[in-house]
Amino acid sequence: GCPFQPRCAHAMDVCHELEPSLTPAGG
């Protein structure tokens, strides 16, 4: 999944399973 998920306080189930891609975050 996400390479940062073991250190992330906000990690969800999807973070352990799938790697996120770059997504628009505003500005």
PDB file of all heavy atoms in Angstrom:
ATOM      1  N   GLY A   1       0.812  -1.206   0.000  1.00  0.00           N
ATOM      2  CA  GLY A   1       0.000   0.000   0.000  1.00  0.00           C
ATOM      3  C   GLY A   1       0.843   1.252   0.000  1.00  0.00           C
ATOM      4  O   GLY A   1       1.865   1.350  -0.684  1.00  0.00           O
ATOM      5  N   CYS A   2       0.443   2.227   0.794  1.00  0.00           N
ATOM      6  CA  CYS A   2       1.167   3.493   0.901  1.00  0.00           C
ATOM      7  C   CYS A   2       2.469   3.271   1.662  1.00  0.00           C
ATOM      8  O   CYS A   2       2.457   2.692   2.751  1.00  0.00           O
ATOM      9  CB  CYS A   2       0.305   4.528   1.627  1.00  0.00           C
ATOM     10  SG  CYS A   2       1.170   6.082   1.969  1.00  0.00           S
ATOM     11  N   PRO A   3       3.602   3.723   1.143  1.00  0.00           N
ATOM     12  CA  PRO A   3       4.872   3.486   1.846  1.00  0.00           C
ATOM     13  C   PRO A   3       4.957   4.193   3.196  1.00  0.00           C
ATOM     14  O   PRO A   3       5.737   3.798   4.059  1.00  0.00           O
ATOM     15  CB  PRO A   3       5.923   4.029   0.863  1.00  0.00           C
ATOM     16  CG  PRO A   3       5.183   4.973  -0.012  1.00  0.00           C
ATOM     17  CD  PRO A   3       3.798   4.427  -0.130  1.00  0.00           C
ATOM     18  N   PHE A   4       4.141   5.231   3.400  1.00  0.00           N
ATOM     19  CA  PHE A   4       4.190   5.975   4.671  1.00  0.00           C
ATOM     20  C   PHE A   4       3.230   5.425   5.714  1.00  0.00           C
ATOM     21  O   PHE A   4       3.281   5.819   6.878  1.00  0.00           O
ATOM     22  CB  PHE A   4       3.869   7.457   4.398  1.00  0.00           C
ATOM     23  CG  PHE A   4       4.062   8.353   5.589  1.00  0.00           C
ATOM     24  CD1 PHE A   4       5.320   8.527   6.153  1.00  0.00           C
ATOM     25  CD2 PHE A   4       2.983   9.032   6.152  1.00  0.00           C
ATOM     26  CE1 PHE A   4       5.499   9.357   7.260  1.00  0.00           C
ATOM     27  CE2 PHE A   4       3.159   9.863   7.243  1.00  0.00           C
ATOM     28  CZ  PHE A   4       4.422  10.028   7.803  1.00  0.00           C
ATOM     29  N   GLN A   5       2.372   4.469   5.340  1.00  0.00           N
ATOM     30  CA  GLN A   5       1.317   4.031   6.260  1.00  0.00           C
ATOM     31  C   GLN A   5       1.817   3.481   7.596  1.00  0.00           C
ATOM     32  O   GLN A   5       1.159   3.681   8.626  1.00  0.00           O
ATOM     33  CB  GLN A   5       0.348   3.056   5.567  1.00  0.00           C
ATOM     34  CG  GLN A   5       0.940   1.855   4.866  1.00  0.00           C
ATOM     35  CD  GLN A   5       1.137   0.647   5.745  1.00  0.00           C
ATOM     36  OE1 GLN A   5       0.864   0.681   6.944  1.00  0.00           O
ATOM     37  NE2 GLN A   5       1.610  -0.447   5.149  1.00  0.00           N
ATOM     38  N   PRO A   6       3.003   2.807   7.706  1.00  0.00           N
ATOM     39  CA  PRO A   6       3.423   2.337   9.026  1.00  0.00           C
ATOM     40  C   PRO A   6       3.707   3.467  10.021  1.00  0.00           C
ATOM     41  O   PRO A   6       3.705   3.241  11.228  1.00  0.00           O
ATOM     42  CB  PRO A   6       4.706   1.546   8.721  1.00  0.00           C
ATOM     43  CG  PRO A   6       4.610   1.168   7.286  1.00  0.00           C
ATOM     44  CD  PRO A   6       3.922   2.329   6.654  1.00  0.00           C
ATOM     45  N   ARG A   7       3.932   4.681   9.532  1.00  0.00           N
ATOM     46  CA  ARG A   7       4.262   5.812  10.394  1.00  0.00           C
ATOM     47  C   ARG A   7       3.132   6.830  10.474  1.00  0.00           C
ATOM     48  O   ARG A   7       3.274   7.852  11.151  1.00  0.00           O
ATOM     49  CB  ARG A   7       5.519   6.516   9.870  1.00  0.00           C
ATOM     50  CG  ARG A   7       6.695   5.599   9.656  1.00  0.00           C
ATOM     51  CD  ARG A   7       7.863   6.314   9.003  1.00  0.00           C
ATOM     52  NE  ARG A   7       8.496   7.281   9.899  1.00  0.00           N
ATOM     53  CZ  ARG A   7       9.486   8.092   9.525  1.00  0.00           C
ATOM     54  NH1 ARG A   7       9.933   8.055   8.283  1.00  0.00           N
ATOM     55  NH2 ARG A   7      10.011   8.931  10.395  1.00  0.00           N
ATOM     56  N   CYS A   8       2.032   6.588   9.783  1.00  0.00           N
ATOM     57  CA  CYS A   8       0.962   7.582   9.660  1.00  0.00           C
ATOM     58  C   CYS A   8      -0.123   7.367  10.703  1.00  0.00           C
ATOM     59  O   CYS A   8      -0.689   6.260  10.812  1.00  0.00           O
ATOM     60  CB  CYS A   8       0.363   7.522   8.255  1.00  0.00           C
ATOM     61  SG  CYS A   8      -0.904   8.774   7.962  1.00  0.00           S
ATOM     62  N   ALA A   9      -0.442   8.412  11.446  1.00  0.00           N
ATOM     63  CA  ALA A   9      -1.491   8.323  12.481  1.00  0.00           C
ATOM     64  C   ALA A   9      -2.879   8.268  11.862  1.00  0.00           C
ATOM     65  O   ALA A   9      -3.842   7.925  12.553  1.00  0.00           O
ATOM     66  CB  ALA A   9      -1.381   9.530  13.412  1.00  0.00           C
ATOM     67  N   HIS A  10      -3.011   8.594  10.569  1.00  0.00           N
ATOM     68  CA  HIS A  10      -4.320   8.621   9.913  1.00  0.00           C
ATOM     69  C   HIS A  10      -4.547   7.409   9.015  1.00  0.00           C
ATOM     70  O   HIS A  10      -5.515   7.389   8.245  1.00  0.00           O
ATOM     71  CB  HIS A  10      -4.449   9.895   9.072  1.00  0.00           C
ATOM     72  CG  HIS A  10      -4.156  11.154   9.813  1.00  0.00           C
ATOM     73  ND1 HIS A  10      -5.001  11.670  10.770  1.00  0.00           N
ATOM     74  CD2 HIS A  10      -3.094  12.001   9.750  1.00  0.00           C
ATOM     75  CE1 HIS A  10      -4.477  12.785  11.268  1.00  0.00           C
ATOM     76  NE2 HIS A  10      -3.316  13.003  10.666  1.00  0.00           N
ATOM     77  N   ALA A  11      -3.666   6.418   9.083  1.00  0.00           N
ATOM     78  CA  ALA A  11      -3.759   5.277   8.159  1.00  0.00           C
ATOM     79  C   ALA A  11      -5.092   4.549   8.291  1.00  0.00           C
ATOM     80  O   ALA A  11      -5.573   4.285   9.393  1.00  0.00           O
ATOM     81  CB  ALA A  11      -2.600   4.320   8.406  1.00  0.00           C
ATOM     82  N   MET A  12      -5.681   4.231   7.124  1.00  0.00           N
ATOM     83  CA  MET A  12      -6.933   3.487   7.053  1.00  0.00           C
ATOM     84  C   MET A  12      -6.669   2.130   6.404  1.00  0.00           C
ATOM     85  O   MET A  12      -5.542   1.859   5.971  1.00  0.00           O
ATOM     86  CB  MET A  12      -7.963   4.280   6.236  1.00  0.00           C
ATOM     87  CG  MET A  12      -8.217   5.689   6.764  1.00  0.00           C
ATOM     88  SD  MET A  12      -9.256   6.676   5.645  1.00  0.00           S
ATOM     89  CE  MET A  12      -8.117   6.951   4.278  1.00  0.00           C
ATOM     90  N   ASP A  13      -7.687   1.305   6.322  1.00  0.00           N
ATOM     91  CA  ASP A  13      -7.512  -0.026   5.730  1.00  0.00           C
ATOM     92  C   ASP A  13      -6.986   0.066   4.303  1.00  0.00           C
ATOM     93  O   ASP A  13      -6.111  -0.710   3.904  1.00  0.00           O
ATOM     94  CB  ASP A  13      -8.855  -0.781   5.733  1.00  0.00           C
ATOM     95  CG  ASP A  13      -9.270  -1.214   7.142  1.00  0.00           C
ATOM     96  OD1 ASP A  13      -8.394  -1.213   8.036  1.00  0.00           O
ATOM     97  OD2 ASP A  13     -10.449  -1.519   7.336  1.00  0.00           O
ATOM     98  N   VAL A  14      -7.525   1.023   3.532  1.00  0.00           N
ATOM     99  CA  VAL A  14      -7.113   1.142   2.139  1.00  0.00           C
ATOM    100  C   VAL A  14      -5.633   1.501   2.031  1.00  0.00           C
ATOM    101  O   VAL A  14      -4.958   1.120   1.061  1.00  0.00           O
ATOM    102  CB  VAL A  14      -7.998   2.188   1.408  1.00  0.00           C
ATOM    103  CG1 VAL A  14      -7.740   3.595   1.944  1.00  0.00           C
ATOM    104  CG2 VAL A  14      -7.756   2.145  -0.101  1.00  0.00           C
ATOM    105  N   CYS A  15      -5.107   2.205   3.041  1.00  0.00           N
ATOM    106  CA  CYS A  15      -3.698   2.610   3.013  1.00  0.00           C
ATOM    107  C   CYS A  15      -2.772   1.400   3.089  1.00  0.00           C
ATOM    108  O   CYS A  15      -1.656   1.436   2.578  1.00  0.00           O
ATOM    109  CB  CYS A  15      -3.397   3.560   4.167  1.00  0.00           C
ATOM    110  SG  CYS A  15      -4.411   5.054   4.185  1.00  0.00           S
ATOM    111  N   HIS A  16      -3.234   0.326   3.739  1.00  0.00           N
ATOM    112  CA  HIS A  16      -2.436  -0.889   3.872  1.00  0.00           C
ATOM    113  C   HIS A  16      -2.529  -1.769   2.623  1.00  0.00           C
ATOM    114  O   HIS A  16      -1.697  -2.656   2.437  1.00  0.00           O
ATOM    115  CB  HIS A  16      -2.895  -1.692   5.093  1.00  0.00           C
ATOM    116  CG  HIS A  16      -2.710  -0.965   6.390  1.00  0.00           C
ATOM    117  ND1 HIS A  16      -1.569  -1.074   7.152  1.00  0.00           N
ATOM    118  CD2 HIS A  16      -3.516  -0.110   7.053  1.00  0.00           C
ATOM    119  CE1 HIS A  16      -1.681  -0.332   8.239  1.00  0.00           C
ATOM    120  NE2 HIS A  16      -2.857   0.267   8.198  1.00  0.00           N
ATOM    121  N   GLU A  17      -3.543  -1.508   1.805  1.00  0.00           N
ATOM    122  CA  GLU A  17      -3.809  -2.407   0.687  1.00  0.00           C
ATOM    123  C   GLU A  17      -3.393  -1.841  -0.671  1.00  0.00           C
ATOM    124  O   GLU A  17      -2.860  -2.567  -1.519  1.00  0.00           O
ATOM    125  CB  GLU A  17      -5.311  -2.739   0.655  1.00  0.00           C
ATOM    126  CG  GLU A  17      -5.790  -3.455   1.921  1.00  0.00           C
ATOM    127  CD  GLU A  17      -7.306  -3.482   2.009  1.00  0.00           C
ATOM    128  OE1 GLU A  17      -7.961  -2.947   1.076  1.00  0.00           O
ATOM    129  OE2 GLU A  17      -7.834  -4.006   3.009  1.00  0.00           O
ATOM    130  N   LEU A  18      -3.635  -0.552  -0.898  1.00  0.00           N
ATOM    131  CA  LEU A  18      -3.419   0.043  -2.217  1.00  0.00           C
ATOM    132  C   LEU A  18      -2.522   1.270  -2.115  1.00  0.00           C
ATOM    133  O   LEU A  18      -2.644   2.061  -1.175  1.00  0.00           O
ATOM    134  CB  LEU A  18      -4.759   0.446  -2.852  1.00  0.00           C
ATOM    135  CG  LEU A  18      -5.768  -0.680  -3.114  1.00  0.00           C
ATOM    136  CD1 LEU A  18      -7.089  -0.090  -3.596  1.00  0.00           C
ATOM    137  CD2 LEU A  18      -5.211  -1.664  -4.126  1.00  0.00           C
ATOM    138  N   GLU A  19      -1.647   1.424  -3.090  1.00  0.00           N
ATOM    139  CA  GLU A  19      -0.787   2.593  -3.119  1.00  0.00           C
ATOM    140  C   GLU A  19      -1.529   3.762  -3.759  1.00  0.00           C
ATOM    141  O   GLU A  19      -2.058   3.624  -4.861  1.00  0.00           O
ATOM    142  CB  GLU A  19       0.484   2.284  -3.910  1.00  0.00           C
ATOM    143  CG  GLU A  19       1.469   3.437  -3.959  1.00  0.00           C
ATOM    144  CD  GLU A  19       2.701   3.097  -4.779  1.00  0.00           C
ATOM    145  OE1 GLU A  19       3.085   1.911  -4.820  1.00  0.00           O
ATOM    146  OE2 GLU A  19       3.274   4.024  -5.389  1.00  0.00           O
ATOM    147  N   PRO A  20      -1.570   4.925  -3.102  1.00  0.00           N
ATOM    148  CA  PRO A  20      -2.290   6.068  -3.682  1.00  0.00           C
ATOM    149  C   PRO A  20      -1.492   6.705  -4.805  1.00  0.00           C
ATOM    150  O   PRO A  20      -0.262   6.650  -4.830  1.00  0.00           O
ATOM    151  CB  PRO A  20      -2.434   7.021  -2.493  1.00  0.00           C
ATOM    152  CG  PRO A  20      -1.242   6.715  -1.636  1.00  0.00           C
ATOM    153  CD  PRO A  20      -0.990   5.237  -1.788  1.00  0.00           C
ATOM    154  N   SER A  21      -2.186   7.340  -5.731  1.00  0.00           N
ATOM    155  CA  SER A  21      -1.542   8.106  -6.790  1.00  0.00           C
ATOM    156  C   SER A  21      -1.692   9.591  -6.472  1.00  0.00           C
ATOM    157  O   SER A  21      -2.475   9.979  -5.601  1.00  0.00           O
ATOM    158  CB  SER A  21      -2.167   7.782  -8.145  1.00  0.00           C
ATOM    159  OG  SER A  21      -3.567   8.044  -8.117  1.00  0.00           O
ATOM    160  N   LEU A  22      -0.934  10.417  -7.160  1.00  0.00           N
ATOM    161  CA  LEU A  22      -1.017  11.859  -6.932  1.00  0.00           C
ATOM    162  C   LEU A  22      -2.402  12.369  -7.329  1.00  0.00           C
ATOM    163  O   LEU A  22      -2.884  12.109  -8.436  1.00  0.00           O
ATOM    164  CB  LEU A  22       0.063  12.586  -7.724  1.00  0.00           C
ATOM    165  CG  LEU A  22       1.493  12.434  -7.195  1.00  0.00           C
ATOM    166  CD1 LEU A  22       2.489  12.989  -8.201  1.00  0.00           C
ATOM    167  CD2 LEU A  22       1.652  13.122  -5.842  1.00  0.00           C
ATOM    168  N   THR A  23      -3.030  13.086  -6.387  1.00  0.00           N
ATOM    169  CA  THR A  23      -4.398  13.566  -6.551  1.00  0.00           C
ATOM    170  C   THR A  23      -4.435  15.070  -6.303  1.00  0.00           C
ATOM    171  O   THR A  23      -3.731  15.563  -5.412  1.00  0.00           O
ATOM    172  CB  THR A  23      -5.328  12.867  -5.532  1.00  0.00           C
ATOM    173  OG1 THR A  23      -5.236  11.453  -5.712  1.00  0.00           O
ATOM    174  CG2 THR A  23      -6.770  13.309  -5.692  1.00  0.00           C
ATOM    175  N   PRO A  24      -5.231  15.849  -7.052  1.00  0.00           N
ATOM    176  CA  PRO A  24      -5.331  17.286  -6.782  1.00  0.00           C
ATOM    177  C   PRO A  24      -5.727  17.554  -5.332  1.00  0.00           C
ATOM    178  O   PRO A  24      -6.647  16.936  -4.799  1.00  0.00           O
ATOM    179  CB  PRO A  24      -6.422  17.745  -7.758  1.00  0.00           C
ATOM    180  CG  PRO A  24      -6.352  16.773  -8.891  1.00  0.00           C
ATOM    181  CD  PRO A  24      -6.028  15.454  -8.246  1.00  0.00           C
ATOM    182  N   ALA A  25      -4.996  18.487  -4.709  1.00  0.00           N
ATOM    183  CA  ALA A  25      -5.239  18.799  -3.298  1.00  0.00           C
ATOM    184  C   ALA A  25      -5.582  20.269  -3.101  1.00  0.00           C
ATOM    185  O   ALA A  25      -5.569  20.760  -1.971  1.00  0.00           O
ATOM    186  CB  ALA A  25      -4.004  18.429  -2.467  1.00  0.00           C
ATOM    187  N   GLY A  26      -5.890  20.984  -4.185  1.00  0.00           N
ATOM    188  CA  GLY A  26      -6.249  22.393  -4.099  1.00  0.00           C
ATOM    189  C   GLY A  26      -5.045  23.299  -4.193  1.00  0.00           C
ATOM    190  O   GLY A  26      -3.941  22.935  -3.795  1.00  0.00           O
ATOM    191  N   GLY A  27      -5.255  24.481  -4.730  1.00  0.00           N
ATOM    192  CA  GLY A  27      -4.194  25.469  -4.820  1.00  0.00           C
ATOM    193  C   GLY A  27      -3.050  25.077  -5.721  1.00  0.00           C
ATOM    194  O   GLY A  27      -1.922  25.526  -5.532  1.00  0.00           O
TER     195      GLY A  27
END
